[in-house]
Amino acid sequence: MFGSIKLIIAWILVFMFAFTTVNCSKKVEDQQGEATMSSKSIQDVLKEHGRTLMDIPGVEGVGQGLTDDDQDCVRVFVSSMTPEVKKQVPKTLDGYPVIIEVTGEFKALDDDQD
């Protein structure tokens, strides 16, 4: 009788250990993934960094967009791709990828144009 109880307890411990190991490795993956995923919303990231990005010479605008695989990203619209733009615009902001898009200079439309 004691042998079967010990066997049951041993199996329970094995399953608990296996479950804990799987959970711990998942948490490590999640923590590593946090480097690419932000806890902030994309809107908060744009509010926080938008003015700084707009101060970079050649930047015409910033906005929210999607990557080719439908992930949120920060879009930086520039008049031309200059060495200064490449140097000053970061590759990521708070975990979101930053995509530079050459659009040319933004110009306001006349009110008379309908």
PDB file of N, CA and C in Angstrom:
ATOM      1  N   MET A   1       0.818  -1.190   0.000  1.00  0.00           N
ATOM      2  CA  MET A   1       0.000   0.000   0.000  1.00  0.00           C
ATOM      3  C   MET A   1       0.867   1.262   0.000  1.00  0.00           C
ATOM      4  N   PHE A   2       1.893   1.275   0.882  1.00  0.00           N
ATOM      5  CA  PHE A   2       2.758   2.446   0.934  1.00  0.00           C
ATOM      6  C   PHE A   2       3.539   2.605  -0.363  1.00  0.00           C
ATOM      7  N   GLY A   3       3.826   1.494  -1.021  1.00  0.00           N
ATOM      8  CA  GLY A   3       4.556   1.557  -2.283  1.00  0.00           C
ATOM      9  C   GLY A   3       3.747   2.265  -3.354  1.00  0.00           C
ATOM     10  N   SER A   4       2.442   1.985  -3.422  1.00  0.00           N
ATOM     11  CA  SER A   4       1.606   2.630  -4.438  1.00  0.00           C
ATOM     12  C   SER A   4       1.392   4.112  -4.117  1.00  0.00           C
ATOM     13  N   ILE A   5       1.323   4.471  -2.849  1.00  0.00           N
ATOM     14  CA  ILE A   5       1.191   5.881  -2.467  1.00  0.00           C
ATOM     15  C   ILE A   5       2.460   6.630  -2.849  1.00  0.00           C
ATOM     16  N   LYS A   6       3.614   6.012  -2.594  1.00  0.00           N
ATOM     17  CA  LYS A   6       4.882   6.640  -2.965  1.00  0.00           C
ATOM     18  C   LYS A   6       4.965   6.812  -4.481  1.00  0.00           C
ATOM     19  N   LEU A   7       4.493   5.822  -5.210  1.00  0.00           N
ATOM     20  CA  LEU A   7       4.504   5.901  -6.664  1.00  0.00           C
ATOM     21  C   LEU A   7       3.598   7.032  -7.165  1.00  0.00           C
ATOM     22  N   ILE A   8       2.422   7.155  -6.565  1.00  0.00           N
ATOM     23  CA  ILE A   8       1.496   8.232  -6.944  1.00  0.00           C
ATOM     24  C   ILE A   8       2.111   9.592  -6.632  1.00  0.00           C
ATOM     25  N   ILE A   9       2.704   9.715  -5.444  1.00  0.00           N
ATOM     26  CA  ILE A   9       3.347  10.974  -5.058  1.00  0.00           C
ATOM     27  C   ILE A   9       4.504  11.280  -6.006  1.00  0.00           C
ATOM     28  N   ALA A  10       5.260  10.263  -6.371  1.00  0.00           N
ATOM     29  CA  ALA A  10       6.377  10.459  -7.297  1.00  0.00           C
ATOM     30  C   ALA A  10       5.869  10.972  -8.643  1.00  0.00           C
ATOM     31  N   TRP A  11       4.787  10.399  -9.157  1.00  0.00           N
ATOM     32  CA  TRP A  11       4.229  10.848 -10.433  1.00  0.00           C
ATOM     33  C   TRP A  11       3.695  12.280 -10.335  1.00  0.00           C
ATOM     34  N   ILE A  12       3.060  12.581  -9.225  1.00  0.00           N
ATOM     35  CA  ILE A  12       2.565  13.950  -9.028  1.00  0.00           C
ATOM     36  C   ILE A  12       3.727  14.933  -9.048  1.00  0.00           C
ATOM     37  N   LEU A  13       4.821  14.590  -8.361  1.00  0.00           N
ATOM     38  CA  LEU A  13       5.994  15.461  -8.332  1.00  0.00           C
ATOM     39  C   LEU A  13       6.609  15.613  -9.723  1.00  0.00           C
ATOM     40  N   VAL A  14       6.645  14.514 -10.476  1.00  0.00           N
ATOM     41  CA  VAL A  14       7.182  14.575 -11.837  1.00  0.00           C
ATOM     42  C   VAL A  14       6.343  15.527 -12.696  1.00  0.00           C
ATOM     43  N   PHE A  15       5.018  15.405 -12.630  1.00  0.00           N
ATOM     44  CA  PHE A  15       4.147  16.285 -13.409  1.00  0.00           C
ATOM     45  C   PHE A  15       4.270  17.741 -12.961  1.00  0.00           C
ATOM     46  N   MET A  16       4.358  17.951 -11.644  1.00  0.00           N
ATOM     47  CA  MET A  16       4.514  19.322 -11.145  1.00  0.00           C
ATOM     48  C   MET A  16       5.832  19.918 -11.628  1.00  0.00           C
ATOM     49  N   PHE A  17       6.903  19.135 -11.586  1.00  0.00           N
ATOM     50  CA  PHE A  17       8.207  19.610 -12.048  1.00  0.00           C
ATOM     51  C   PHE A  17       8.159  19.933 -13.542  1.00  0.00           C
ATOM     52  N   ALA A  18       7.555  19.032 -14.308  1.00  0.00           N
ATOM     53  CA  ALA A  18       7.459  19.251 -15.758  1.00  0.00           C
ATOM     54  C   ALA A  18       6.638  20.507 -16.053  1.00  0.00           C
ATOM     55  N   PHE A  19       5.519  20.682 -15.366  1.00  0.00           N
ATOM     56  CA  PHE A  19       4.668  21.850 -15.571  1.00  0.00           C
ATOM     57  C   PHE A  19       5.405  23.129 -15.196  1.00  0.00           C
ATOM     58  N   THR A  20       6.122  23.105 -14.074  1.00  0.00           N
ATOM     59  CA  THR A  20       6.879  24.273 -13.625  1.00  0.00           C
ATOM     60  C   THR A  20       7.975  24.614 -14.621  1.00  0.00           C
ATOM     61  N   THR A  21       8.660  23.612 -15.133  1.00  0.00           N
ATOM     62  CA  THR A  21       9.733  23.838 -16.099  1.00  0.00           C
ATOM     63  C   THR A  21       9.188  24.476 -17.369  1.00  0.00           C
ATOM     64  N   VAL A  22       8.074  23.965 -17.868  1.00  0.00           N
ATOM     65  CA  VAL A  22       7.464  24.523 -19.074  1.00  0.00           C
ATOM     66  C   VAL A  22       7.021  25.955 -18.816  1.00  0.00           C
ATOM     67  N   ASN A  23       6.392  26.204 -17.673  1.00  0.00           N
ATOM     68  CA  ASN A  23       5.942  27.558 -17.343  1.00  0.00           C
ATOM     69  C   ASN A  23       7.107  28.520 -17.211  1.00  0.00           C
ATOM     70  N   CYS A  24       8.185  28.091 -16.563  1.00  0.00           N
ATOM     71  CA  CYS A  24       9.345  28.965 -16.384  1.00  0.00           C
ATOM     72  C   CYS A  24       9.979  29.307 -17.724  1.00  0.00           C
ATOM     73  N   SER A  25      10.104  28.336 -18.600  1.00  0.00           N
ATOM     74  CA  SER A  25      10.714  28.630 -19.890  1.00  0.00           C
ATOM     75  C   SER A  25       9.803  29.538 -20.711  1.00  0.00           C
ATOM     76  N   LYS A  26       8.490  29.417 -20.555  1.00  0.00           N
ATOM     77  CA  LYS A  26       7.564  30.311 -21.250  1.00  0.00           C
ATOM     78  C   LYS A  26       7.727  31.736 -20.731  1.00  0.00           C
ATOM     79  N   LYS A  27       7.904  31.894 -19.411  1.00  0.00           N
ATOM     80  CA  LYS A  27       8.094  33.223 -18.843  1.00  0.00           C
ATOM     81  C   LYS A  27       9.378  33.854 -19.360  1.00  0.00           C
ATOM     82  N   VAL A  28      10.430  33.063 -19.522  1.00  0.00           N
ATOM     83  CA  VAL A  28      11.682  33.592 -20.060  1.00  0.00           C
ATOM     84  C   VAL A  28      11.458  34.061 -21.491  1.00  0.00           C
ATOM     85  N   GLU A  29      10.747  33.268 -22.282  1.00  0.00           N
ATOM     86  CA  GLU A  29      10.452  33.679 -23.652  1.00  0.00           C
ATOM     87  C   GLU A  29       9.649  34.977 -23.657  1.00  0.00           C
ATOM     88  N   ASP A  30       8.662  35.075 -22.752  1.00  0.00           N
ATOM     89  CA  ASP A  30       7.860  36.284 -22.684  1.00  0.00           C
ATOM     90  C   ASP A  30       8.712  37.486 -22.322  1.00  0.00           C
ATOM     91  N   GLN A  31       9.622  37.314 -21.347  1.00  0.00           N
ATOM     92  CA  GLN A  31      10.465  38.425 -20.935  1.00  0.00           C
ATOM     93  C   GLN A  31      11.392  38.840 -22.070  1.00  0.00           C
ATOM     94  N   GLN A  32      11.906  37.881 -22.812  1.00  0.00           N
ATOM     95  CA  GLN A  32      12.748  38.222 -23.950  1.00  0.00           C
ATOM     96  C   GLN A  32      11.917  38.906 -25.021  1.00  0.00           C
ATOM     97  N   GLY A  33      10.680  38.484 -25.179  1.00  0.00           N
ATOM     98  CA  GLY A  33       9.790  39.081 -26.162  1.00  0.00           C
ATOM     99  C   GLY A  33       9.421  40.510 -25.830  1.00  0.00           C
ATOM    100  N   GLU A  34       9.500  40.867 -24.547  1.00  0.00           N
ATOM    101  CA  GLU A  34       9.169  42.226 -24.145  1.00  0.00           C
ATOM    102  C   GLU A  34      10.096  43.248 -24.789  1.00  0.00           C
ATOM    103  N   ALA A  35      11.262  42.816 -25.195  1.00  0.00           N
ATOM    104  CA  ALA A  35      12.186  43.735 -25.862  1.00  0.00           C
ATOM    105  C   ALA A  35      11.610  44.191 -27.199  1.00  0.00           C
ATOM    106  N   THR A  36      10.735  43.368 -27.794  1.00  0.00           N
ATOM    107  CA  THR A  36      10.156  43.747 -29.069  1.00  0.00           C
ATOM    108  C   THR A  36       8.697  44.179 -28.939  1.00  0.00           C
ATOM    109  N   MET A  37       8.076  43.913 -27.831  1.00  0.00           N
ATOM    110  CA  MET A  37       6.697  44.322 -27.626  1.00  0.00           C
ATOM    111  C   MET A  37       6.649  45.335 -26.495  1.00  0.00           C
ATOM    112  N   SER A  38       5.880  46.378 -26.673  1.00  0.00           N
ATOM    113  CA  SER A  38       5.812  47.444 -25.691  1.00  0.00           C
ATOM    114  C   SER A  38       4.612  47.267 -24.783  1.00  0.00           C
ATOM    115  N   SER A  39       4.769  47.704 -23.536  1.00  0.00           N
ATOM    116  CA  SER A  39       3.633  47.725 -22.629  1.00  0.00           C
ATOM    117  C   SER A  39       2.822  49.001 -22.849  1.00  0.00           C
ATOM    118  N   LYS A  40       3.387  49.960 -23.585  1.00  0.00           N
ATOM    119  CA  LYS A  40       2.686  51.203 -23.901  1.00  0.00           C
ATOM    120  C   LYS A  40       1.893  51.026 -25.189  1.00  0.00           C
ATOM    121  N   SER A  41       0.822  51.776 -25.301  1.00  0.00           N
ATOM    122  CA  SER A  41       0.077  51.761 -26.561  1.00  0.00           C
ATOM    123  C   SER A  41       0.866  52.562 -27.601  1.00  0.00           C
ATOM    124  N   ILE A  42       0.600  52.287 -28.847  1.00  0.00           N
ATOM    125  CA  ILE A  42       1.282  53.001 -29.923  1.00  0.00           C
ATOM    126  C   ILE A  42       0.953  54.497 -29.857  1.00  0.00           C
ATOM    127  N   GLN A  43      -0.274  54.832 -29.425  1.00  0.00           N
ATOM    128  CA  GLN A  43      -0.656  56.240 -29.296  1.00  0.00           C
ATOM    129  C   GLN A  43       0.183  56.933 -28.225  1.00  0.00           C
ATOM    130  N   ASP A  44       0.423  56.236 -27.101  1.00  0.00           N
ATOM    131  CA  ASP A  44       1.255  56.813 -26.038  1.00  0.00           C
ATOM    132  C   ASP A  44       2.693  57.014 -26.511  1.00  0.00           C
ATOM    133  N   VAL A  45       3.198  56.066 -27.278  1.00  0.00           N
ATOM    134  CA  VAL A  45       4.563  56.176 -27.809  1.00  0.00           C
ATOM    135  C   VAL A  45       4.658  57.379 -28.749  1.00  0.00           C
ATOM    136  N   LEU A  46       3.644  57.560 -29.592  1.00  0.00           N
ATOM    137  CA  LEU A  46       3.645  58.707 -30.507  1.00  0.00           C
ATOM    138  C   LEU A  46       3.550  60.027 -29.747  1.00  0.00           C
ATOM    139  N   LYS A  47       2.720  60.070 -28.704  1.00  0.00           N
ATOM    140  CA  LYS A  47       2.614  61.294 -27.894  1.00  0.00           C
ATOM    141  C   LYS A  47       3.947  61.616 -27.227  1.00  0.00           C
ATOM    142  N   GLU A  48       4.615  60.570 -26.737  1.00  0.00           N
ATOM    143  CA  GLU A  48       5.869  60.760 -26.011  1.00  0.00           C
ATOM    144  C   GLU A  48       7.029  61.158 -26.929  1.00  0.00           C
ATOM    145  N   HIS A  49       7.094  60.590 -28.120  1.00  0.00           N
ATOM    146  CA  HIS A  49       8.261  60.782 -28.985  1.00  0.00           C
ATOM    147  C   HIS A  49       7.998  61.610 -30.240  1.00  0.00           C
ATOM    148  N   GLY A  50       6.740  61.927 -30.513  1.00  0.00           N
ATOM    149  CA  GLY A  50       6.394  62.618 -31.753  1.00  0.00           C
ATOM    150  C   GLY A  50       7.101  63.947 -31.935  1.00  0.00           C
ATOM    151  N   ARG A  51       7.120  64.775 -30.907  1.00  0.00           N
ATOM    152  CA  ARG A  51       7.753  66.098 -31.002  1.00  0.00           C
ATOM    153  C   ARG A  51       9.242  65.955 -31.274  1.00  0.00           C
ATOM    154  N   THR A  52       9.907  65.011 -30.587  1.00  0.00           N
ATOM    155  CA  THR A  52      11.344  64.799 -30.788  1.00  0.00           C
ATOM    156  C   THR A  52      11.629  64.365 -32.225  1.00  0.00           C
ATOM    157  N   LEU A  53      10.800  63.469 -32.754  1.00  0.00           N
ATOM    158  CA  LEU A  53      10.980  63.025 -34.136  1.00  0.00           C
ATOM    159  C   LEU A  53      10.761  64.185 -35.109  1.00  0.00           C
ATOM    160  N   MET A  54       9.753  65.005 -34.838  1.00  0.00           N
ATOM    161  CA  MET A  54       9.452  66.134 -35.727  1.00  0.00           C
ATOM    162  C   MET A  54      10.564  67.178 -35.722  1.00  0.00           C
ATOM    163  N   ASP A  55      11.356  67.221 -34.662  1.00  0.00           N
ATOM    164  CA  ASP A  55      12.466  68.176 -34.579  1.00  0.00           C
ATOM    165  C   ASP A  55      13.678  67.763 -35.416  1.00  0.00           C
ATOM    166  N   ILE A  56      13.681  66.536 -35.927  1.00  0.00           N
ATOM    167  CA  ILE A  56      14.793  66.068 -36.761  1.00  0.00           C
ATOM    168  C   ILE A  56      14.667  66.719 -38.138  1.00  0.00           C
ATOM    169  N   PRO A  57      15.726  67.381 -38.618  1.00  0.00           N
ATOM    170  CA  PRO A  57      15.666  68.012 -39.947  1.00  0.00           C
ATOM    171  C   PRO A  57      15.311  66.990 -41.031  1.00  0.00           C
ATOM    172  N   GLY A  58      14.337  67.354 -41.861  1.00  0.00           N
ATOM    173  CA  GLY A  58      13.912  66.475 -42.945  1.00  0.00           C
ATOM    174  C   GLY A  58      12.667  65.671 -42.623  1.00  0.00           C
ATOM    175  N   VAL A  59      12.280  65.603 -41.342  1.00  0.00           N
ATOM    176  CA  VAL A  59      11.068  64.863 -40.969  1.00  0.00           C
ATOM    177  C   VAL A  59       9.863  65.755 -41.235  1.00  0.00           C
ATOM    178  N   GLU A  60       8.928  65.247 -42.021  1.00  0.00           N
ATOM    179  CA  GLU A  60       7.722  65.986 -42.394  1.00  0.00           C
ATOM    180  C   GLU A  60       6.525  65.617 -41.530  1.00  0.00           C
ATOM    181  N   GLY A  61       6.523  64.407 -40.991  1.00  0.00           N
ATOM    182  CA  GLY A  61       5.395  63.965 -40.175  1.00  0.00           C
ATOM    183  C   GLY A  61       5.677  62.624 -39.539  1.00  0.00           C
ATOM    184  N   VAL A  62       4.869  62.293 -38.534  1.00  0.00           N
ATOM    185  CA  VAL A  62       4.958  60.986 -37.877  1.00  0.00           C
ATOM    186  C   VAL A  62       3.544  60.457 -37.701  1.00  0.00           C
ATOM    187  N   GLY A  63       3.420  59.158 -37.653  1.00  0.00           N
ATOM    188  CA  GLY A  63       2.102  58.566 -37.467  1.00  0.00           C
ATOM    189  C   GLY A  63       2.185  57.096 -37.146  1.00  0.00           C
ATOM    190  N   GLN A  64       1.022  56.526 -36.936  1.00  0.00           N
ATOM    191  CA  GLN A  64       0.896  55.102 -36.655  1.00  0.00           C
ATOM    192  C   GLN A  64       0.680  54.369 -37.966  1.00  0.00           C
ATOM    193  N   GLY A  65       1.303  53.218 -38.092  1.00  0.00           N
ATOM    194  CA  GLY A  65       1.124  52.415 -39.289  1.00  0.00           C
ATOM    195  C   GLY A  65       1.196  50.941 -38.963  1.00  0.00           C
ATOM    196  N   LEU A  66       1.273  50.142 -39.993  1.00  0.00           N
ATOM    197  CA  LEU A  66       1.409  48.696 -39.852  1.00  0.00           C
ATOM    198  C   LEU A  66       2.613  48.228 -40.651  1.00  0.00           C
ATOM    199  N   THR A  67       3.291  47.223 -40.118  1.00  0.00           N
ATOM    200  CA  THR A  67       4.388  46.603 -40.845  1.00  0.00           C
ATOM    201  C   THR A  67       3.804  45.665 -41.898  1.00  0.00           C
ATOM    202  N   ASP A  68       4.661  45.046 -42.691  1.00  0.00           N
ATOM    203  CA  ASP A  68       4.201  44.096 -43.709  1.00  0.00           C
ATOM    204  C   ASP A  68       3.468  42.911 -43.102  1.00  0.00           C
ATOM    205  N   ASP A  69       3.796  42.588 -41.827  1.00  0.00           N
ATOM    206  CA  ASP A  69       3.109  41.470 -41.171  1.00  0.00           C
ATOM    207  C   ASP A  69       2.039  41.966 -40.186  1.00  0.00           C
ATOM    208  N   ASP A  70       1.480  43.137 -40.458  1.00  0.00           N
ATOM    209  CA  ASP A  70       0.339  43.706 -39.726  1.00  0.00           C
ATOM    210  C   ASP A  70       0.592  43.975 -38.245  1.00  0.00           C
ATOM    211  N   GLN A  71       1.818  44.336 -37.901  1.00  0.00           N
ATOM    212  CA  GLN A  71       2.137  44.738 -36.530  1.00  0.00           C
ATOM    213  C   GLN A  71       2.169  46.264 -36.467  1.00  0.00           C
ATOM    214  N   ASP A  72       1.728  46.819 -35.321  1.00  0.00           N
ATOM    215  CA  ASP A  72       1.789  48.270 -35.152  1.00  0.00           C
ATOM    216  C   ASP A  72       3.222  48.760 -35.296  1.00  0.00           C
ATOM    217  N   CYS A  73       3.379  49.919 -35.894  1.00  0.00           N
ATOM    218  CA  CYS A  73       4.701  50.530 -36.024  1.00  0.00           C
ATOM    219  C   CYS A  73       4.556  52.042 -36.026  1.00  0.00           C
ATOM    220  N   VAL A  74       5.673  52.712 -35.852  1.00  0.00           N
ATOM    221  CA  VAL A  74       5.736  54.164 -35.959  1.00  0.00           C
ATOM    222  C   VAL A  74       6.223  54.479 -37.365  1.00  0.00           C
ATOM    223  N   ARG A  75       5.476  55.299 -38.088  1.00  0.00           N
ATOM    224  CA  ARG A  75       5.873  55.732 -39.429  1.00  0.00           C
ATOM    225  C   ARG A  75       6.460  57.134 -39.322  1.00  0.00           C
ATOM    226  N   VAL A  76       7.629  57.314 -39.906  1.00  0.00           N
ATOM    227  CA  VAL A  76       8.267  58.628 -39.950  1.00  0.00           C
ATOM    228  C   VAL A  76       8.362  59.022 -41.416  1.00  0.00           C
ATOM    229  N   PHE A  77       7.681  60.109 -41.770  1.00  0.00           N
ATOM    230  CA  PHE A  77       7.638  60.584 -43.146  1.00  0.00           C
ATOM    231  C   PHE A  77       8.703  61.658 -43.324  1.00  0.00           C
ATOM    232  N   VAL A  78       9.584  61.459 -44.311  1.00  0.00           N
ATOM    233  CA  VAL A  78      10.698  62.386 -44.521  1.00  0.00           C
ATOM    234  C   VAL A  78      10.677  62.921 -45.951  1.00  0.00           C
ATOM    235  N   SER A  79      11.230  64.135 -46.103  1.00  0.00           N
ATOM    236  CA  SER A  79      11.292  64.738 -47.435  1.00  0.00           C
ATOM    237  C   SER A  79      12.308  64.021 -48.311  1.00  0.00           C
ATOM    238  N   SER A  80      13.420  63.584 -47.710  1.00  0.00           N
ATOM    239  CA  SER A  80      14.421  62.790 -48.436  1.00  0.00           C
ATOM    240  C   SER A  80      15.237  61.997 -47.418  1.00  0.00           C
ATOM    241  N   MET A  81      15.831  60.922 -47.891  1.00  0.00           N
ATOM    242  CA  MET A  81      16.630  60.062 -47.013  1.00  0.00           C
ATOM    243  C   MET A  81      18.047  60.627 -46.952  1.00  0.00           C
ATOM    244  N   THR A  82      18.331  61.329 -45.884  1.00  0.00           N
ATOM    245  CA  THR A  82      19.649  61.936 -45.702  1.00  0.00           C
ATOM    246  C   THR A  82      20.434  61.149 -44.659  1.00  0.00           C
ATOM    247  N   PRO A  83      21.748  61.310 -44.631  1.00  0.00           N
ATOM    248  CA  PRO A  83      22.539  60.651 -43.582  1.00  0.00           C
ATOM    249  C   PRO A  83      22.076  61.053 -42.179  1.00  0.00           C
ATOM    250  N   GLU A  84      21.656  62.311 -42.033  1.00  0.00           N
ATOM    251  CA  GLU A  84      21.182  62.785 -40.732  1.00  0.00           C
ATOM    252  C   GLU A  84      19.897  62.067 -40.317  1.00  0.00           C
ATOM    253  N   VAL A  85      18.981  61.874 -41.261  1.00  0.00           N
ATOM    254  CA  VAL A  85      17.741  61.143 -40.975  1.00  0.00           C
ATOM    255  C   VAL A  85      18.077  59.717 -40.558  1.00  0.00           C
ATOM    256  N   LYS A  86      18.936  59.049 -41.335  1.00  0.00           N
ATOM    257  CA  LYS A  86      19.323  57.670 -41.012  1.00  0.00           C
ATOM    258  C   LYS A  86      19.955  57.574 -39.634  1.00  0.00           C
ATOM    259  N   LYS A  87      20.741  58.585 -39.283  1.00  0.00           N
ATOM    260  CA  LYS A  87      21.455  58.570 -38.004  1.00  0.00           C
ATOM    261  C   LYS A  87      20.530  58.875 -36.823  1.00  0.00           C
ATOM    262  N   GLN A  88      19.612  59.822 -36.998  1.00  0.00           N
ATOM    263  CA  GLN A  88      18.825  60.304 -35.866  1.00  0.00           C
ATOM    264  C   GLN A  88      17.506  59.576 -35.639  1.00  0.00           C
ATOM    265  N   VAL A  89      16.925  58.992 -36.672  1.00  0.00           N
ATOM    266  CA  VAL A  89      15.657  58.279 -36.492  1.00  0.00           C
ATOM    267  C   VAL A  89      15.975  56.876 -35.978  1.00  0.00           C
ATOM    268  N   PRO A  90      15.442  56.527 -34.803  1.00  0.00           N
ATOM    269  CA  PRO A  90      15.757  55.212 -34.229  1.00  0.00           C
ATOM    270  C   PRO A  90      15.092  54.072 -35.006  1.00  0.00           C
ATOM    271  N   LYS A  91      15.631  52.881 -34.851  1.00  0.00           N
ATOM    272  CA  LYS A  91      15.060  51.689 -35.503  1.00  0.00           C
ATOM    273  C   LYS A  91      13.792  51.232 -34.784  1.00  0.00           C
ATOM    274  N   THR A  92      13.747  51.446 -33.451  1.00  0.00           N
ATOM    275  CA  THR A  92      12.572  51.105 -32.654  1.00  0.00           C
ATOM    276  C   THR A  92      12.332  52.198 -31.620  1.00  0.00           C
ATOM    277  N   LEU A  93      11.086  52.308 -31.180  1.00  0.00           N
ATOM    278  CA  LEU A  93      10.705  53.203 -30.089  1.00  0.00           C
ATOM    279  C   LEU A  93       9.834  52.417 -29.121  1.00  0.00           C
ATOM    280  N   ASP A  94      10.313  52.252 -27.910  1.00  0.00           N
ATOM    281  CA  ASP A  94       9.569  51.527 -26.874  1.00  0.00           C
ATOM    282  C   ASP A  94       9.054  50.180 -27.373  1.00  0.00           C
ATOM    283  N   GLY A  95       9.866  49.509 -28.176  1.00  0.00           N
ATOM    284  CA  GLY A  95       9.514  48.175 -28.648  1.00  0.00           C
ATOM    285  C   GLY A  95       8.796  48.140 -29.989  1.00  0.00           C
ATOM    286  N   TYR A  96       8.341  49.273 -30.480  1.00  0.00           N
ATOM    287  CA  TYR A  96       7.662  49.316 -31.774  1.00  0.00           C
ATOM    288  C   TYR A  96       8.679  49.609 -32.878  1.00  0.00           C
ATOM    289  N   PRO A  97       8.592  48.902 -34.003  1.00  0.00           N
ATOM    290  CA  PRO A  97       9.500  49.208 -35.108  1.00  0.00           C
ATOM    291  C   PRO A  97       9.187  50.587 -35.688  1.00  0.00           C
ATOM    292  N   VAL A  98      10.227  51.248 -36.166  1.00  0.00           N
ATOM    293  CA  VAL A  98      10.079  52.555 -36.807  1.00  0.00           C
ATOM    294  C   VAL A  98      10.398  52.379 -38.289  1.00  0.00           C
ATOM    295  N   ILE A  99       9.479  52.789 -39.128  1.00  0.00           N
ATOM    296  CA  ILE A  99       9.656  52.683 -40.573  1.00  0.00           C
ATOM    297  C   ILE A  99       9.742  54.091 -41.151  1.00  0.00           C
ATOM    298  N   ILE A 100      10.826  54.355 -41.865  1.00  0.00           N
ATOM    299  CA  ILE A 100      11.017  55.654 -42.509  1.00  0.00           C
ATOM    300  C   ILE A 100      10.455  55.572 -43.922  1.00  0.00           C
ATOM    301  N   GLU A 101       9.611  56.531 -44.258  1.00  0.00           N
ATOM    302  CA  GLU A 101       9.000  56.560 -45.586  1.00  0.00           C
ATOM    303  C   GLU A 101       9.309  57.906 -46.249  1.00  0.00           C
ATOM    304  N   VAL A 102       9.949  57.847 -47.405  1.00  0.00           N
ATOM    305  CA  VAL A 102      10.272  59.069 -48.143  1.00  0.00           C
ATOM    306  C   VAL A 102       9.022  59.512 -48.898  1.00  0.00           C
ATOM    307  N   THR A 103       8.520  60.694 -48.539  1.00  0.00           N
ATOM    308  CA  THR A 103       7.276  61.202 -49.127  1.00  0.00           C
ATOM    309  C   THR A 103       7.466  62.494 -49.892  1.00  0.00           C
ATOM    310  N   GLY A 104       8.637  63.110 -49.737  1.00  0.00           N
ATOM    311  CA  GLY A 104       8.806  64.457 -50.260  1.00  0.00           C
ATOM    312  C   GLY A 104       8.270  65.445 -49.237  1.00  0.00           C
ATOM    313  N   GLU A 105       8.321  66.704 -49.596  1.00  0.00           N
ATOM    314  CA  GLU A 105       7.881  67.754 -48.677  1.00  0.00           C
ATOM    315  C   GLU A 105       6.357  67.798 -48.606  1.00  0.00           C
ATOM    316  N   PHE A 106       5.812  67.910 -47.400  1.00  0.00           N
ATOM    317  CA  PHE A 106       4.367  68.066 -47.226  1.00  0.00           C
ATOM    318  C   PHE A 106       4.002  69.521 -47.486  1.00  0.00           C
ATOM    319  N   LYS A 107       2.928  69.729 -48.220  1.00  0.00           N
ATOM    320  CA  LYS A 107       2.436  71.080 -48.486  1.00  0.00           C
ATOM    321  C   LYS A 107       0.943  71.120 -48.215  1.00  0.00           C
ATOM    322  N   ALA A 108       0.503  72.214 -47.615  1.00  0.00           N
ATOM    323  CA  ALA A 108      -0.926  72.396 -47.363  1.00  0.00           C
ATOM    324  C   ALA A 108      -1.630  72.735 -48.672  1.00  0.00           C
ATOM    325  N   LEU A 109      -2.844  72.239 -48.821  1.00  0.00           N
ATOM    326  CA  LEU A 109      -3.644  72.574 -49.996  1.00  0.00           C
ATOM    327  C   LEU A 109      -4.291  73.932 -49.796  1.00  0.00           C
ATOM    328  N   ASP A 110      -4.487  74.657 -50.895  1.00  0.00           N
ATOM    329  CA  ASP A 110      -5.234  75.910 -50.831  1.00  0.00           C
ATOM    330  C   ASP A 110      -6.682  75.603 -50.506  1.00  0.00           C
ATOM    331  N   ASP A 111      -7.318  76.507 -49.780  1.00  0.00           N
ATOM    332  CA  ASP A 111      -8.743  76.347 -49.490  1.00  0.00           C
ATOM    333  C   ASP A 111      -9.584  76.459 -50.752  1.00  0.00           C
ATOM    334  N   ASP A 112      -9.054  77.144 -51.771  1.00  0.00           N
ATOM    335  CA  ASP A 112      -9.790  77.358 -53.016  1.00  0.00           C
ATOM    336  C   ASP A 112      -9.875  76.097 -53.865  1.00  0.00           C
ATOM    337  N   GLN A 113      -8.999  75.139 -53.633  1.00  0.00           N
ATOM    338  CA  GLN A 113      -9.001  73.907 -54.431  1.00  0.00           C
ATOM    339  C   GLN A 113     -10.068  72.970 -53.904  1.00  0.00           C
ATOM    340  N   ASP A 114     -11.014  72.630 -54.745  1.00  0.00           N
ATOM    341  CA  ASP A 114     -12.084  71.713 -54.339  1.00  0.00           C
ATOM    342  C   ASP A 114     -12.018  70.445 -55.082  1.00  0.00           C
TER     343      ASP A 114
END
